[in-house]
């Protein structure tokens, strides 16, 4: 795998770790929604993850990331249509989809 793509994957992993660190003490959606700093930080990190996955997808179709189209679509909505984002979707992504994405990225990073 090219060095640039490995860098993108490594960066995605770092952003996932950041989101998990930001939210590790938050136990409920209402607590998450009421913590504006954590909420906005998590949104921004998800936006960047989407941007990086889009770069990977455009440069190497051999790298397969589950739900990449949905992740990119989320990024586009966060960047361009943020007022129509349902906040509980962000919470659901963090609670249900971030860990599987992390495992997938970690596996991709182990490939030559």
N, C-alpha and C. Protein backbone atom coordinates (compact mmCIF):
# COMPACT_ATOMS: atom_id res chain seq x y z
N UNK A 1 0.85 -1.18 0.00
CA UNK A 1 0.00 0.00 0.00
C UNK A 1 0.89 1.24 0.00
N UNK A 2 0.49 2.22 -0.79
CA UNK A 2 1.28 3.44 -0.88
C UNK A 2 1.31 4.18 0.45
N UNK A 3 2.41 4.86 0.65
CA UNK A 3 2.62 5.59 1.89
C UNK A 3 1.52 6.62 2.17
N UNK A 4 1.07 7.32 1.13
CA UNK A 4 0.02 8.34 1.28
C UNK A 4 -1.28 7.72 1.81
N UNK A 5 -1.65 6.57 1.28
CA UNK A 5 -2.88 5.92 1.71
C UNK A 5 -2.75 5.41 3.15
N UNK A 6 -1.58 4.91 3.49
CA UNK A 6 -1.34 4.48 4.87
C UNK A 6 -1.46 5.67 5.82
N UNK A 7 -0.97 6.81 5.39
CA UNK A 7 -1.09 8.03 6.20
C UNK A 7 -2.55 8.38 6.41
N UNK A 8 -3.36 8.33 5.35
CA UNK A 8 -4.79 8.60 5.48
C UNK A 8 -5.44 7.64 6.47
N UNK A 9 -5.12 6.36 6.36
CA UNK A 9 -5.68 5.36 7.26
C UNK A 9 -5.24 5.61 8.70
N UNK A 10 -3.97 5.93 8.87
CA UNK A 10 -3.46 6.23 10.21
C UNK A 10 -4.18 7.45 10.78
N UNK A 11 -4.37 8.48 9.97
CA UNK A 11 -5.07 9.68 10.42
C UNK A 11 -6.51 9.36 10.81
N UNK A 12 -7.18 8.53 10.01
CA UNK A 12 -8.56 8.12 10.34
C UNK A 12 -8.57 7.45 11.70
N UNK A 13 -7.62 6.56 11.93
CA UNK A 13 -7.54 5.86 13.21
C UNK A 13 -7.35 6.85 14.35
N UNK A 14 -6.51 7.86 14.15
CA UNK A 14 -6.29 8.87 15.19
C UNK A 14 -7.56 9.67 15.48
N UNK A 15 -8.32 10.01 14.43
CA UNK A 15 -9.56 10.74 14.63
C UNK A 15 -10.60 9.89 15.36
N UNK A 16 -10.66 8.61 15.03
CA UNK A 16 -11.56 7.70 15.74
C UNK A 16 -11.17 7.65 17.21
N UNK A 17 -9.88 7.50 17.48
CA UNK A 17 -9.41 7.47 18.87
C UNK A 17 -9.76 8.75 19.60
N UNK A 18 -9.66 9.88 18.92
CA UNK A 18 -10.02 11.16 19.54
C UNK A 18 -11.50 11.19 19.92
N UNK A 19 -12.35 10.78 19.00
CA UNK A 19 -13.79 10.76 19.30
C UNK A 19 -14.07 9.84 20.49
N UNK A 20 -13.46 8.69 20.49
CA UNK A 20 -13.68 7.76 21.59
C UNK A 20 -13.17 8.34 22.91
N UNK A 21 -12.08 9.06 22.86
CA UNK A 21 -11.55 9.71 24.07
C UNK A 21 -12.49 10.82 24.54
N UNK A 22 -12.97 11.65 23.60
CA UNK A 22 -13.90 12.74 23.95
C UNK A 22 -15.15 12.21 24.64
N UNK A 23 -15.62 11.07 24.19
CA UNK A 23 -16.94 10.58 24.61
C UNK A 23 -16.89 9.45 25.63
N UNK A 24 -15.73 9.08 26.10
CA UNK A 24 -15.64 7.90 26.95
C UNK A 24 -16.39 8.02 28.27
N UNK A 25 -16.54 9.23 28.79
CA UNK A 25 -17.25 9.42 30.05
C UNK A 25 -18.72 9.76 29.85
N UNK A 26 -19.14 9.94 28.61
CA UNK A 26 -20.51 10.33 28.32
C UNK A 26 -21.35 9.07 28.14
N UNK A 27 -22.40 8.96 28.93
CA UNK A 27 -23.18 7.71 28.97
C UNK A 27 -24.52 7.79 28.25
N UNK A 28 -24.99 8.99 27.94
CA UNK A 28 -26.32 9.08 27.33
C UNK A 28 -26.33 10.12 26.22
N UNK A 29 -27.32 9.99 25.36
CA UNK A 29 -27.50 10.94 24.26
C UNK A 29 -27.72 12.35 24.80
N UNK A 30 -28.54 12.51 25.83
CA UNK A 30 -28.81 13.85 26.35
C UNK A 30 -27.55 14.48 26.94
N UNK A 31 -26.73 13.68 27.59
CA UNK A 31 -25.46 14.19 28.11
C UNK A 31 -24.55 14.62 26.96
N UNK A 32 -24.53 13.83 25.91
CA UNK A 32 -23.74 14.16 24.71
C UNK A 32 -24.23 15.45 24.07
N UNK A 33 -25.53 15.53 23.86
CA UNK A 33 -26.12 16.69 23.19
C UNK A 33 -25.92 17.97 24.01
N UNK A 34 -25.92 17.86 25.32
CA UNK A 34 -25.77 19.02 26.18
C UNK A 34 -24.31 19.44 26.39
N UNK A 35 -23.38 18.64 25.92
CA UNK A 35 -21.96 19.00 26.01
C UNK A 35 -21.53 19.50 24.64
N UNK A 36 -21.74 20.77 24.40
CA UNK A 36 -21.54 21.36 23.08
C UNK A 36 -20.11 21.20 22.58
N UNK A 37 -19.13 21.30 23.46
CA UNK A 37 -17.74 21.18 23.03
C UNK A 37 -17.46 19.77 22.51
N UNK A 38 -17.88 18.78 23.25
CA UNK A 38 -17.66 17.39 22.83
C UNK A 38 -18.47 17.09 21.57
N UNK A 39 -19.71 17.54 21.54
CA UNK A 39 -20.56 17.30 20.38
C UNK A 39 -19.93 17.88 19.12
N UNK A 40 -19.52 19.13 19.17
CA UNK A 40 -18.93 19.79 17.99
C UNK A 40 -17.58 19.17 17.62
N UNK A 41 -16.81 18.79 18.60
CA UNK A 41 -15.53 18.14 18.32
C UNK A 41 -15.74 16.81 17.61
N UNK A 42 -16.70 16.03 18.07
CA UNK A 42 -16.99 14.74 17.45
C UNK A 42 -17.50 14.94 16.02
N UNK A 43 -18.37 15.92 15.83
CA UNK A 43 -18.86 16.22 14.47
C UNK A 43 -17.70 16.56 13.54
N UNK A 44 -16.80 17.38 14.01
CA UNK A 44 -15.66 17.80 13.18
C UNK A 44 -14.77 16.61 12.83
N UNK A 45 -14.51 15.76 13.80
CA UNK A 45 -13.68 14.59 13.54
C UNK A 45 -14.36 13.65 12.53
N UNK A 46 -15.68 13.48 12.64
CA UNK A 46 -16.41 12.66 11.68
C UNK A 46 -16.34 13.26 10.28
N UNK A 47 -16.40 14.58 10.22
CA UNK A 47 -16.29 15.26 8.93
C UNK A 47 -14.94 14.99 8.28
N UNK A 48 -13.89 15.06 9.06
CA UNK A 48 -12.54 14.82 8.54
C UNK A 48 -12.38 13.36 8.13
N UNK A 49 -12.91 12.44 8.92
CA UNK A 49 -12.87 11.01 8.55
C UNK A 49 -13.52 10.81 7.19
N UNK A 50 -14.66 11.41 6.98
CA UNK A 50 -15.34 11.31 5.69
C UNK A 50 -14.50 11.85 4.55
N UNK A 51 -13.84 12.96 4.78
CA UNK A 51 -12.97 13.56 3.76
C UNK A 51 -11.82 12.62 3.41
N UNK A 52 -11.20 12.03 4.43
CA UNK A 52 -10.08 11.12 4.18
C UNK A 52 -10.53 9.84 3.47
N UNK A 53 -11.67 9.31 3.85
CA UNK A 53 -12.17 8.12 3.17
C UNK A 53 -12.49 8.45 1.71
N UNK A 54 -13.01 9.62 1.46
CA UNK A 54 -13.26 10.05 0.09
C UNK A 54 -11.96 10.10 -0.71
N UNK A 55 -10.91 10.62 -0.12
CA UNK A 55 -9.60 10.66 -0.80
C UNK A 55 -9.11 9.26 -1.11
N UNK A 56 -9.24 8.36 -0.15
CA UNK A 56 -8.81 6.97 -0.38
C UNK A 56 -9.62 6.35 -1.51
N UNK A 57 -10.91 6.52 -1.46
CA UNK A 57 -11.80 5.93 -2.47
C UNK A 57 -11.48 6.46 -3.87
N UNK A 58 -11.15 7.73 -3.98
CA UNK A 58 -10.84 8.32 -5.28
C UNK A 58 -9.49 7.89 -5.83
N UNK A 59 -8.56 7.53 -4.94
CA UNK A 59 -7.21 7.20 -5.40
C UNK A 59 -6.93 5.71 -5.49
N UNK A 60 -7.73 4.89 -4.79
CA UNK A 60 -7.45 3.45 -4.82
C UNK A 60 -8.73 2.66 -4.57
N UNK A 61 -9.33 2.18 -5.64
CA UNK A 61 -10.58 1.42 -5.51
C UNK A 61 -10.36 0.03 -4.91
N UNK A 62 -9.10 -0.38 -4.76
CA UNK A 62 -8.80 -1.68 -4.16
C UNK A 62 -8.93 -1.66 -2.64
N UNK A 63 -8.88 -0.48 -2.05
CA UNK A 63 -9.06 -0.38 -0.60
C UNK A 63 -10.56 -0.27 -0.33
N UNK A 64 -11.08 -1.28 0.33
CA UNK A 64 -12.52 -1.34 0.58
C UNK A 64 -12.77 -1.02 2.06
N UNK A 65 -13.60 -0.02 2.27
CA UNK A 65 -14.01 0.36 3.62
C UNK A 65 -15.54 0.26 3.66
N UNK A 66 -16.04 -0.57 4.56
CA UNK A 66 -17.48 -0.75 4.68
C UNK A 66 -18.16 0.60 4.91
N UNK A 67 -19.29 0.76 4.28
CA UNK A 67 -20.10 1.97 4.44
C UNK A 67 -19.38 3.25 4.03
N UNK A 68 -18.38 3.13 3.17
CA UNK A 68 -17.64 4.33 2.78
C UNK A 68 -18.55 5.38 2.14
N UNK A 69 -19.50 4.95 1.35
CA UNK A 69 -20.42 5.91 0.72
C UNK A 69 -21.26 6.64 1.76
N UNK A 70 -21.71 5.93 2.78
CA UNK A 70 -22.48 6.56 3.85
C UNK A 70 -21.61 7.52 4.67
N UNK A 71 -20.37 7.14 4.90
CA UNK A 71 -19.46 8.00 5.67
C UNK A 71 -19.19 9.28 4.89
N UNK A 72 -18.98 9.15 3.60
CA UNK A 72 -18.74 10.33 2.74
C UNK A 72 -19.99 11.20 2.69
N UNK A 73 -21.15 10.57 2.59
CA UNK A 73 -22.41 11.33 2.57
C UNK A 73 -22.61 12.10 3.87
N UNK A 74 -22.26 11.47 5.00
CA UNK A 74 -22.34 12.17 6.28
C UNK A 74 -21.41 13.37 6.28
N UNK A 75 -20.21 13.18 5.79
CA UNK A 75 -19.25 14.28 5.71
C UNK A 75 -19.83 15.44 4.90
N UNK A 76 -20.42 15.12 3.78
CA UNK A 76 -20.98 16.17 2.93
C UNK A 76 -22.13 16.90 3.63
N UNK A 77 -22.94 16.17 4.34
CA UNK A 77 -24.04 16.81 5.09
C UNK A 77 -23.50 17.67 6.22
N UNK A 78 -22.48 17.18 6.92
CA UNK A 78 -21.90 17.98 8.00
C UNK A 78 -21.28 19.27 7.46
N UNK A 79 -20.65 19.18 6.29
CA UNK A 79 -19.97 20.34 5.73
C UNK A 79 -20.92 21.31 5.04
N UNK A 80 -21.97 20.80 4.42
CA UNK A 80 -22.78 21.65 3.55
C UNK A 80 -24.26 21.77 3.96
N UNK A 81 -24.72 20.88 4.81
CA UNK A 81 -26.14 20.88 5.16
C UNK A 81 -26.29 20.62 6.66
N UNK A 82 -25.40 21.20 7.44
CA UNK A 82 -25.31 20.90 8.87
C UNK A 82 -26.59 21.18 9.65
N UNK A 83 -27.38 22.16 9.19
CA UNK A 83 -28.60 22.50 9.94
C UNK A 83 -29.66 21.40 9.85
N UNK A 84 -29.47 20.48 8.92
CA UNK A 84 -30.43 19.39 8.76
C UNK A 84 -29.92 18.05 9.29
N UNK A 85 -28.87 18.09 10.07
CA UNK A 85 -28.35 16.86 10.69
C UNK A 85 -29.11 16.61 11.98
N UNK A 86 -29.62 15.42 12.10
CA UNK A 86 -30.30 15.02 13.32
C UNK A 86 -29.22 14.60 14.32
N UNK A 87 -29.15 15.30 15.45
CA UNK A 87 -28.07 15.08 16.41
C UNK A 87 -27.99 13.65 16.93
N UNK A 88 -29.12 12.97 17.03
CA UNK A 88 -29.07 11.60 17.53
C UNK A 88 -28.40 10.65 16.53
N UNK A 89 -28.34 11.06 15.26
CA UNK A 89 -27.61 10.25 14.27
C UNK A 89 -26.12 10.24 14.61
N UNK A 90 -25.59 11.39 14.99
CA UNK A 90 -24.17 11.48 15.37
C UNK A 90 -23.90 10.58 16.57
N UNK A 91 -24.75 10.63 17.57
CA UNK A 91 -24.61 9.78 18.75
C UNK A 91 -24.67 8.30 18.36
N UNK A 92 -25.61 7.95 17.51
CA UNK A 92 -25.74 6.56 17.07
C UNK A 92 -24.51 6.07 16.32
N UNK A 93 -23.94 6.93 15.51
CA UNK A 93 -22.71 6.58 14.79
C UNK A 93 -21.59 6.31 15.78
N UNK A 94 -21.45 7.19 16.75
CA UNK A 94 -20.38 7.04 17.74
C UNK A 94 -20.56 5.76 18.54
N UNK A 95 -21.77 5.49 18.96
CA UNK A 95 -22.02 4.31 19.81
C UNK A 95 -22.04 2.99 19.05
N UNK A 96 -22.49 3.01 17.79
CA UNK A 96 -22.72 1.75 17.08
C UNK A 96 -21.78 1.46 15.92
N UNK A 97 -21.19 2.47 15.35
CA UNK A 97 -20.44 2.25 14.11
C UNK A 97 -18.95 2.60 14.18
N UNK A 98 -18.56 3.35 15.19
CA UNK A 98 -17.16 3.78 15.26
C UNK A 98 -16.20 2.63 15.57
N UNK A 99 -16.57 1.79 16.51
CA UNK A 99 -15.68 0.66 16.86
C UNK A 99 -15.48 -0.31 15.70
N UNK A 100 -16.55 -0.69 14.97
CA UNK A 100 -16.32 -1.56 13.81
C UNK A 100 -15.44 -0.88 12.74
N UNK A 101 -15.63 0.42 12.54
CA UNK A 101 -14.79 1.14 11.58
C UNK A 101 -13.34 1.14 12.06
N UNK A 102 -13.14 1.34 13.34
CA UNK A 102 -11.78 1.31 13.90
C UNK A 102 -11.11 -0.03 13.64
N UNK A 103 -11.82 -1.11 13.88
CA UNK A 103 -11.26 -2.45 13.63
C UNK A 103 -10.90 -2.63 12.16
N UNK A 104 -11.76 -2.16 11.31
CA UNK A 104 -11.53 -2.27 9.87
C UNK A 104 -10.28 -1.48 9.45
N UNK A 105 -10.15 -0.28 9.96
CA UNK A 105 -8.99 0.55 9.64
C UNK A 105 -7.71 -0.08 10.19
N UNK A 106 -7.78 -0.59 11.40
CA UNK A 106 -6.60 -1.26 11.99
C UNK A 106 -6.19 -2.45 11.12
N UNK A 107 -7.15 -3.22 10.63
CA UNK A 107 -6.84 -4.35 9.75
C UNK A 107 -6.20 -3.88 8.44
N UNK A 108 -6.72 -2.80 7.87
CA UNK A 108 -6.15 -2.27 6.63
C UNK A 108 -4.71 -1.80 6.85
N UNK A 109 -4.44 -1.25 8.02
CA UNK A 109 -3.08 -0.76 8.31
C UNK A 109 -2.06 -1.90 8.43
N UNK A 110 -2.52 -3.10 8.70
CA UNK A 110 -1.60 -4.23 8.82
C UNK A 110 -1.25 -4.84 7.48
N UNK A 111 -1.99 -4.45 6.44
CA UNK A 111 -1.74 -5.00 5.11
C UNK A 111 -0.53 -4.32 4.49
N UNK A 112 0.24 -5.09 3.71
CA UNK A 112 1.44 -4.51 3.07
C UNK A 112 1.09 -3.50 1.99
